[in-house]
Amino acid sequence: MSRFVMSKTPWERCVYPALKAALEKTDYNQTTLGAATGIHPSNISRYIKGDMDATIRGMLALEVLTGKTFRELFGECEGRDGRV
């Protein structure tokens, strides 16, 4: 039987340390970030887990919201060794 485990914070499972830190400083959750960026909340979830390549429009929106560049947000990825 599978067990559903809730995250302690909306960004706990984010594999990008800089993006995670920037988002944790905001009041956004996946739903409100989706509304602010025009990205569906389920895609936000996939992006932060590193399971989906983001669109340029989405990346530009995240840069505006966080004040960080793409390289600052996505330069590192935890737990994805050898994955391009």
PDB file of N, CA and C in Angstrom:
ATOM      1  N   MET A   1       0.838  -1.168   0.000  1.00  0.00           N
ATOM      2  CA  MET A   1       0.000   0.000   0.000  1.00  0.00           C
ATOM      3  C   MET A   1       0.890   1.240   0.000  1.00  0.00           C
ATOM      4  N   SER A   2       0.672   2.156  -0.942  1.00  0.00           N
ATOM      5  CA  SER A   2       1.489   3.360  -1.006  1.00  0.00           C
ATOM      6  C   SER A   2       1.011   4.386   0.009  1.00  0.00           C
ATOM      7  N   ARG A   3       1.944   5.197   0.431  1.00  0.00           N
ATOM      8  CA  ARG A   3       1.634   6.202   1.434  1.00  0.00           C
ATOM      9  C   ARG A   3       1.967   7.573   0.860  1.00  0.00           C
ATOM     10  N   PHE A   4       1.046   8.502   0.953  1.00  0.00           N
ATOM     11  CA  PHE A   4       1.243   9.852   0.463  1.00  0.00           C
ATOM     12  C   PHE A   4       1.961  10.655   1.542  1.00  0.00           C
ATOM     13  N   VAL A   5       3.098  11.262   1.177  1.00  0.00           N
ATOM     14  CA  VAL A   5       3.874  12.038   2.138  1.00  0.00           C
ATOM     15  C   VAL A   5       3.814  13.514   1.739  1.00  0.00           C
ATOM     16  N   MET A   6       3.331  14.335   2.641  1.00  0.00           N
ATOM     17  CA  MET A   6       3.225  15.778   2.385  1.00  0.00           C
ATOM     18  C   MET A   6       4.585  16.436   2.609  1.00  0.00           C
ATOM     19  N   SER A   7       4.911  17.391   1.769  1.00  0.00           N
ATOM     20  CA  SER A   7       6.126  18.172   1.947  1.00  0.00           C
ATOM     21  C   SER A   7       5.930  19.131   3.115  1.00  0.00           C
ATOM     22  N   LYS A   8       7.018  19.424   3.807  1.00  0.00           N
ATOM     23  CA  LYS A   8       6.961  20.376   4.908  1.00  0.00           C
ATOM     24  C   LYS A   8       6.819  21.802   4.404  1.00  0.00           C
ATOM     25  N   THR A   9       7.431  22.075   3.263  1.00  0.00           N
ATOM     26  CA  THR A   9       7.311  23.387   2.630  1.00  0.00           C
ATOM     27  C   THR A   9       6.932  23.159   1.175  1.00  0.00           C
ATOM     28  N   PRO A  10       6.387  24.190   0.495  1.00  0.00           N
ATOM     29  CA  PRO A  10       6.018  23.999  -0.912  1.00  0.00           C
ATOM     30  C   PRO A  10       7.213  23.665  -1.804  1.00  0.00           C
ATOM     31  N   TRP A  11       8.413  24.016  -1.372  1.00  0.00           N
ATOM     32  CA  TRP A  11       9.591  23.868  -2.240  1.00  0.00           C
ATOM     33  C   TRP A  11      10.579  22.836  -1.719  1.00  0.00           C
ATOM     34  N   GLU A  12      10.178  22.017  -0.752  1.00  0.00           N
ATOM     35  CA  GLU A  12      11.072  21.035  -0.126  1.00  0.00           C
ATOM     36  C   GLU A  12      11.720  20.085  -1.139  1.00  0.00           C
ATOM     37  N   ARG A  13      11.007  19.712  -2.174  1.00  0.00           N
ATOM     38  CA  ARG A  13      11.520  18.729  -3.130  1.00  0.00           C
ATOM     39  C   ARG A  13      12.246  19.354  -4.318  1.00  0.00           C
ATOM     40  N   CYS A  14      12.482  20.651  -4.280  1.00  0.00           N
ATOM     41  CA  CYS A  14      13.178  21.332  -5.374  1.00  0.00           C
ATOM     42  C   CYS A  14      14.635  20.874  -5.418  1.00  0.00           C
ATOM     43  N   VAL A  15      15.080  20.410  -6.585  1.00  0.00           N
ATOM     44  CA  VAL A  15      16.433  19.869  -6.729  1.00  0.00           C
ATOM     45  C   VAL A  15      17.458  20.945  -7.084  1.00  0.00           C
ATOM     46  N   TYR A  16      17.017  22.183  -7.274  1.00  0.00           N
ATOM     47  CA  TYR A  16      17.911  23.276  -7.624  1.00  0.00           C
ATOM     48  C   TYR A  16      18.087  24.170  -6.395  1.00  0.00           C
ATOM     49  N   PRO A  17      19.226  24.099  -5.711  1.00  0.00           N
ATOM     50  CA  PRO A  17      19.399  24.826  -4.438  1.00  0.00           C
ATOM     51  C   PRO A  17      19.127  26.329  -4.524  1.00  0.00           C
ATOM     52  N   ALA A  18      19.603  26.996  -5.552  1.00  0.00           N
ATOM     53  CA  ALA A  18      19.404  28.453  -5.645  1.00  0.00           C
ATOM     54  C   ALA A  18      17.933  28.791  -5.894  1.00  0.00           C
ATOM     55  N   LEU A  19      17.271  28.023  -6.751  1.00  0.00           N
ATOM     56  CA  LEU A  19      15.851  28.249  -7.010  1.00  0.00           C
ATOM     57  C   LEU A  19      15.049  27.979  -5.742  1.00  0.00           C
ATOM     58  N   LYS A  20      15.371  26.902  -5.061  1.00  0.00           N
ATOM     59  CA  LYS A  20      14.681  26.566  -3.813  1.00  0.00           C
ATOM     60  C   LYS A  20      14.820  27.702  -2.800  1.00  0.00           C
ATOM     61  N   ALA A  21      16.029  28.204  -2.616  1.00  0.00           N
ATOM     62  CA  ALA A  21      16.261  29.282  -1.653  1.00  0.00           C
ATOM     63  C   ALA A  21      15.495  30.545  -2.044  1.00  0.00           C
ATOM     64  N   ALA A  22      15.494  30.870  -3.332  1.00  0.00           N
ATOM     65  CA  ALA A  22      14.787  32.069  -3.795  1.00  0.00           C
ATOM     66  C   ALA A  22      13.282  31.931  -3.596  1.00  0.00           C
ATOM     67  N   LEU A  23      12.725  30.764  -3.904  1.00  0.00           N
ATOM     68  CA  LEU A  23      11.282  30.569  -3.766  1.00  0.00           C
ATOM     69  C   LEU A  23      10.852  30.508  -2.306  1.00  0.00           C
ATOM     70  N   GLU A  24      11.714  29.985  -1.430  1.00  0.00           N
ATOM     71  CA  GLU A  24      11.363  29.917  -0.014  1.00  0.00           C
ATOM     72  C   GLU A  24      11.295  31.296   0.627  1.00  0.00           C
ATOM     73  N   LYS A  25      11.875  32.304  -0.020  1.00  0.00           N
ATOM     74  CA  LYS A  25      11.812  33.671   0.494  1.00  0.00           C
ATOM     75  C   LYS A  25      10.523  34.378   0.068  1.00  0.00           C
ATOM     76  N   THR A  26       9.721  33.721  -0.754  1.00  0.00           N
ATOM     77  CA  THR A  26       8.481  34.311  -1.237  1.00  0.00           C
ATOM     78  C   THR A  26       7.283  33.694  -0.514  1.00  0.00           C
ATOM     79  N   ASP A  27       6.120  34.243  -0.788  1.00  0.00           N
ATOM     80  CA  ASP A  27       4.876  33.690  -0.233  1.00  0.00           C
ATOM     81  C   ASP A  27       4.193  32.761  -1.232  1.00  0.00           C
ATOM     82  N   TYR A  28       4.881  32.439  -2.318  1.00  0.00           N
ATOM     83  CA  TYR A  28       4.282  31.608  -3.359  1.00  0.00           C
ATOM     84  C   TYR A  28       4.225  30.136  -2.956  1.00  0.00           C
ATOM     85  N   ASN A  29       3.173  29.469  -3.427  1.00  0.00           N
ATOM     86  CA  ASN A  29       3.130  28.012  -3.432  1.00  0.00           C
ATOM     87  C   ASN A  29       3.006  27.618  -4.902  1.00  0.00           C
ATOM     88  N   GLN A  30       2.852  26.349  -5.204  1.00  0.00           N
ATOM     89  CA  GLN A  30       2.815  25.930  -6.606  1.00  0.00           C
ATOM     90  C   GLN A  30       1.635  26.542  -7.353  1.00  0.00           C
ATOM     91  N   THR A  31       0.502  26.682  -6.697  1.00  0.00           N
ATOM     92  CA  THR A  31      -0.685  27.241  -7.344  1.00  0.00           C
ATOM     93  C   THR A  31      -0.506  28.723  -7.637  1.00  0.00           C
ATOM     94  N   THR A  32      -0.051  29.491  -6.643  1.00  0.00           N
ATOM     95  CA  THR A  32       0.099  30.931  -6.849  1.00  0.00           C
ATOM     96  C   THR A  32       1.260  31.246  -7.788  1.00  0.00           C
ATOM     97  N   LEU A  33       2.326  30.450  -7.738  1.00  0.00           N
ATOM     98  CA  LEU A  33       3.431  30.649  -8.673  1.00  0.00           C
ATOM     99  C   LEU A  33       2.975  30.343 -10.092  1.00  0.00           C
ATOM    100  N   GLY A  34       2.169  29.317 -10.242  1.00  0.00           N
ATOM    101  CA  GLY A  34       1.618  28.993 -11.550  1.00  0.00           C
ATOM    102  C   GLY A  34       0.776  30.128 -12.109  1.00  0.00           C
ATOM    103  N   ALA A  35      -0.042  30.709 -11.269  1.00  0.00           N
ATOM    104  CA  ALA A  35      -0.881  31.825 -11.711  1.00  0.00           C
ATOM    105  C   ALA A  35      -0.026  33.038 -12.088  1.00  0.00           C
ATOM    106  N   ALA A  36       1.033  33.286 -11.322  1.00  0.00           N
ATOM    107  CA  ALA A  36       1.888  34.445 -11.578  1.00  0.00           C
ATOM    108  C   ALA A  36       2.742  34.280 -12.831  1.00  0.00           C
ATOM    109  N   THR A  37       3.099  33.048 -13.169  1.00  0.00           N
ATOM    110  CA  THR A  37       3.985  32.803 -14.311  1.00  0.00           C
ATOM    111  C   THR A  37       3.252  32.321 -15.553  1.00  0.00           C
ATOM    112  N   GLY A  38       1.996  31.907 -15.391  1.00  0.00           N
ATOM    113  CA  GLY A  38       1.266  31.343 -16.527  1.00  0.00           C
ATOM    114  C   GLY A  38       1.621  29.894 -16.790  1.00  0.00           C
ATOM    115  N   ILE A  39       2.239  29.249 -15.811  1.00  0.00           N
ATOM    116  CA  ILE A  39       2.628  27.834 -15.924  1.00  0.00           C
ATOM    117  C   ILE A  39       1.653  27.021 -15.079  1.00  0.00           C
ATOM    118  N   HIS A  40       1.145  25.918 -15.627  1.00  0.00           N
ATOM    119  CA  HIS A  40       0.211  25.082 -14.877  1.00  0.00           C
ATOM    120  C   HIS A  40       0.897  24.546 -13.615  1.00  0.00           C
ATOM    121  N   PRO A  41       0.203  24.544 -12.466  1.00  0.00           N
ATOM    122  CA  PRO A  41       0.808  24.076 -11.214  1.00  0.00           C
ATOM    123  C   PRO A  41       1.420  22.673 -11.291  1.00  0.00           C
ATOM    124  N   SER A  42       0.833  21.763 -12.061  1.00  0.00           N
ATOM    125  CA  SER A  42       1.436  20.424 -12.171  1.00  0.00           C
ATOM    126  C   SER A  42       2.780  20.488 -12.891  1.00  0.00           C
ATOM    127  N   ASN A  43       2.918  21.430 -13.838  1.00  0.00           N
ATOM    128  CA  ASN A  43       4.207  21.604 -14.505  1.00  0.00           C
ATOM    129  C   ASN A  43       5.221  22.246 -13.571  1.00  0.00           C
ATOM    130  N   ILE A  44       4.775  23.144 -12.697  1.00  0.00           N
ATOM    131  CA  ILE A  44       5.673  23.720 -11.680  1.00  0.00           C
ATOM    132  C   ILE A  44       6.270  22.580 -10.859  1.00  0.00           C
ATOM    133  N   SER A  45       5.437  21.651 -10.446  1.00  0.00           N
ATOM    134  CA  SER A  45       5.901  20.512  -9.655  1.00  0.00           C
ATOM    135  C   SER A  45       6.956  19.710 -10.413  1.00  0.00           C
ATOM    136  N   ARG A  46       6.723  19.456 -11.677  1.00  0.00           N
ATOM    137  CA  ARG A  46       7.690  18.702 -12.487  1.00  0.00           C
ATOM    138  C   ARG A  46       8.995  19.463 -12.655  1.00  0.00           C
ATOM    139  N   TYR A  47       8.906  20.776 -12.872  1.00  0.00           N
ATOM    140  CA  TYR A  47      10.108  21.592 -13.051  1.00  0.00           C
ATOM    141  C   TYR A  47      10.994  21.534 -11.813  1.00  0.00           C
ATOM    142  N   ILE A  48      10.400  21.739 -10.632  1.00  0.00           N
ATOM    143  CA  ILE A  48      11.217  21.818  -9.426  1.00  0.00           C
ATOM    144  C   ILE A  48      11.832  20.473  -9.045  1.00  0.00           C
ATOM    145  N   LYS A  49      11.224  19.390  -9.486  1.00  0.00           N
ATOM    146  CA  LYS A  49      11.796  18.067  -9.238  1.00  0.00           C
ATOM    147  C   LYS A  49      12.842  17.691 -10.277  1.00  0.00           C
ATOM    148  N   GLY A  50      12.985  18.524 -11.317  1.00  0.00           N
ATOM    149  CA  GLY A  50      13.952  18.238 -12.372  1.00  0.00           C
ATOM    150  C   GLY A  50      13.462  17.208 -13.362  1.00  0.00           C
ATOM    151  N   ASP A  51      12.154  16.940 -13.373  1.00  0.00           N
ATOM    152  CA  ASP A  51      11.583  15.905 -14.242  1.00  0.00           C
ATOM    153  C   ASP A  51      11.116  16.432 -15.596  1.00  0.00           C
ATOM    154  N   MET A  52      11.247  17.726 -15.827  1.00  0.00           N
ATOM    155  CA  MET A  52      10.705  18.296 -17.056  1.00  0.00           C
ATOM    156  C   MET A  52      11.537  19.510 -17.448  1.00  0.00           C
ATOM    157  N   ASP A  53      11.813  19.644 -18.721  1.00  0.00           N
ATOM    158  CA  ASP A  53      12.506  20.832 -19.198  1.00  0.00           C
ATOM    159  C   ASP A  53      11.525  21.990 -19.241  1.00  0.00           C
ATOM    160  N   ALA A  54      11.949  23.116 -18.707  1.00  0.00           N
ATOM    161  CA  ALA A  54      11.091  24.291 -18.650  1.00  0.00           C
ATOM    162  C   ALA A  54      11.127  25.068 -19.963  1.00  0.00           C
ATOM    163  N   THR A  55      10.097  25.859 -20.183  1.00  0.00           N
ATOM    164  CA  THR A  55      10.035  26.697 -21.376  1.00  0.00           C
ATOM    165  C   THR A  55      10.793  27.999 -21.137  1.00  0.00           C
ATOM    166  N   ILE A  56      11.160  28.660 -22.190  1.00  0.00           N
ATOM    167  CA  ILE A  56      11.839  29.950 -22.064  1.00  0.00           C
ATOM    168  C   ILE A  56      10.927  30.949 -21.361  1.00  0.00           C
ATOM    169  N   ARG A  57       9.651  30.965 -21.725  1.00  0.00           N
ATOM    170  CA  ARG A  57       8.691  31.879 -21.081  1.00  0.00           C
ATOM    171  C   ARG A  57       8.656  31.640 -19.569  1.00  0.00           C
ATOM    172  N   GLY A  58       8.637  30.388 -19.174  1.00  0.00           N
ATOM    173  CA  GLY A  58       8.617  30.058 -17.753  1.00  0.00           C
ATOM    174  C   GLY A  58       9.892  30.476 -17.043  1.00  0.00           C
ATOM    175  N   MET A  59      11.016  30.275 -17.701  1.00  0.00           N
ATOM    176  CA  MET A  59      12.294  30.656 -17.097  1.00  0.00           C
ATOM    177  C   MET A  59      12.402  32.172 -16.938  1.00  0.00           C
ATOM    178  N   LEU A  60      11.955  32.907 -17.940  1.00  0.00           N
ATOM    179  CA  LEU A  60      11.978  34.365 -17.843  1.00  0.00           C
ATOM    180  C   LEU A  60      11.078  34.849 -16.702  1.00  0.00           C
ATOM    181  N   ALA A  61       9.934  34.217 -16.534  1.00  0.00           N
ATOM    182  CA  ALA A  61       9.029  34.584 -15.444  1.00  0.00           C
ATOM    183  C   ALA A  61       9.674  34.311 -14.088  1.00  0.00           C
ATOM    184  N   LEU A  62      10.371  33.179 -13.952  1.00  0.00           N
ATOM    185  CA  LEU A  62      11.043  32.867 -12.689  1.00  0.00           C
ATOM    186  C   LEU A  62      12.182  33.850 -12.419  1.00  0.00           C
ATOM    187  N   GLU A  63      12.887  34.257 -13.474  1.00  0.00           N
ATOM    188  CA  GLU A  63      13.941  35.250 -13.290  1.00  0.00           C
ATOM    189  C   GLU A  63      13.361  36.555 -12.752  1.00  0.00           C
ATOM    190  N   VAL A  64      12.241  36.978 -13.306  1.00  0.00           N
ATOM    191  CA  VAL A  64      11.603  38.223 -12.861  1.00  0.00           C
ATOM    192  C   VAL A  64      11.130  38.098 -11.412  1.00  0.00           C
ATOM    193  N   LEU A  65      10.491  36.986 -11.077  1.00  0.00           N
ATOM    194  CA  LEU A  65       9.950  36.800  -9.725  1.00  0.00           C
ATOM    195  C   LEU A  65      11.020  36.684  -8.656  1.00  0.00           C
ATOM    196  N   THR A  66      12.151  36.044  -8.992  1.00  0.00           N
ATOM    197  CA  THR A  66      13.192  35.801  -7.987  1.00  0.00           C
ATOM    198  C   THR A  66      14.305  36.836  -8.012  1.00  0.00           C
ATOM    199  N   GLY A  67      14.451  37.557  -9.141  1.00  0.00           N
ATOM    200  CA  GLY A  67      15.552  38.503  -9.262  1.00  0.00           C
ATOM    201  C   GLY A  67      16.887  37.829  -9.525  1.00  0.00           C
ATOM    202  N   LYS A  68      16.854  36.555  -9.903  1.00  0.00           N
ATOM    203  CA  LYS A  68      18.078  35.798 -10.185  1.00  0.00           C
ATOM    204  C   LYS A  68      18.090  35.372 -11.652  1.00  0.00           C
ATOM    205  N   THR A  69      19.302  35.162 -12.182  1.00  0.00           N
ATOM    206  CA  THR A  69      19.427  34.723 -13.568  1.00  0.00           C
ATOM    207  C   THR A  69      19.187  33.220 -13.679  1.00  0.00           C
ATOM    208  N   PHE A  70      19.001  32.764 -14.912  1.00  0.00           N
ATOM    209  CA  PHE A  70      18.825  31.334 -15.167  1.00  0.00           C
ATOM    210  C   PHE A  70      19.978  30.530 -14.584  1.00  0.00           C
ATOM    211  N   ARG A  71      21.205  30.964 -14.859  1.00  0.00           N
ATOM    212  CA  ARG A  71      22.374  30.223 -14.350  1.00  0.00           C
ATOM    213  C   ARG A  71      22.421  30.209 -12.836  1.00  0.00           C
ATOM    214  N   GLU A  72      22.010  31.287 -12.188  1.00  0.00           N
ATOM    215  CA  GLU A  72      21.975  31.302 -10.725  1.00  0.00           C
ATOM    216  C   GLU A  72      20.932  30.323 -10.196  1.00  0.00           C
ATOM    217  N   LEU A  73      19.785  30.249 -10.857  1.00  0.00           N
ATOM    218  CA  LEU A  73      18.707  29.377 -10.401  1.00  0.00           C
ATOM    219  C   LEU A  73      18.948  27.910 -10.699  1.00  0.00           C
ATOM    220  N   PHE A  74      19.510  27.611 -11.856  1.00  0.00           N
ATOM    221  CA  PHE A  74      19.595  26.220 -12.301  1.00  0.00           C
ATOM    222  C   PHE A  74      21.014  25.716 -12.498  1.00  0.00           C
ATOM    223  N   GLY A  75      22.007  26.439 -12.008  1.00  0.00           N
ATOM    224  CA  GLY A  75      23.394  26.036 -12.198  1.00  0.00           C
ATOM    225  C   GLY A  75      23.747  24.747 -11.488  1.00  0.00           C
ATOM    226  N   GLU A  76      23.067  24.470 -10.397  1.00  0.00           N
ATOM    227  CA  GLU A  76      23.312  23.242  -9.648  1.00  0.00           C
ATOM    228  C   GLU A  76      22.017  22.432  -9.573  1.00  0.00           C
ATOM    229  N   CYS A  77      22.164  21.131  -9.498  1.00  0.00           N
ATOM    230  CA  CYS A  77      21.004  20.262  -9.375  1.00  0.00           C
ATOM    231  C   CYS A  77      21.363  19.132  -8.435  1.00  0.00           C
ATOM    232  N   GLU A  78      20.651  18.980  -7.340  1.00  0.00           N
ATOM    233  CA  GLU A  78      20.924  17.923  -6.366  1.00  0.00           C
ATOM    234  C   GLU A  78      20.365  16.590  -6.841  1.00  0.00           C
ATOM    235  N   GLY A  79      21.148  15.549  -6.694  1.00  0.00           N
ATOM    236  CA  GLY A  79      20.667  14.194  -6.930  1.00  0.00           C
ATOM    237  C   GLY A  79      20.458  13.815  -8.383  1.00  0.00           C
ATOM    238  N   ARG A  80      21.032  14.516  -9.312  1.00  0.00           N
ATOM    239  CA  ARG A  80      20.851  14.215 -10.721  1.00  0.00           C
ATOM    240  C   ARG A  80      22.191  14.001 -11.404  1.00  0.00           C
ATOM    241  N   ASP A  81      23.096  13.296 -10.769  1.00  0.00           N
ATOM    242  CA  ASP A  81      24.430  13.069 -11.316  1.00  0.00           C
ATOM    243  C   ASP A  81      24.355  12.440 -12.708  1.00  0.00           C
ATOM    244  N   GLY A  82      25.118  13.010 -13.627  1.00  0.00           N
ATOM    245  CA  GLY A  82      25.216  12.449 -14.968  1.00  0.00           C
ATOM    246  C   GLY A  82      24.043  12.746 -15.873  1.00  0.00           C
ATOM    247  N   ARG A  83      23.072  13.463 -15.386  1.00  0.00           N
ATOM    248  CA  ARG A  83      21.899  13.778 -16.199  1.00  0.00           C
ATOM    249  C   ARG A  83      22.066  15.138 -16.856  1.00  0.00           C
ATOM    250  N   VAL A  84      21.807  15.208 -18.119  1.00  0.00           N
ATOM    251  CA  VAL A  84      21.938  16.480 -18.848  1.00  0.00           C
ATOM    252  C   VAL A  84      20.584  17.078 -19.065  1.00  0.00           C
TER     253      VAL A  84
END
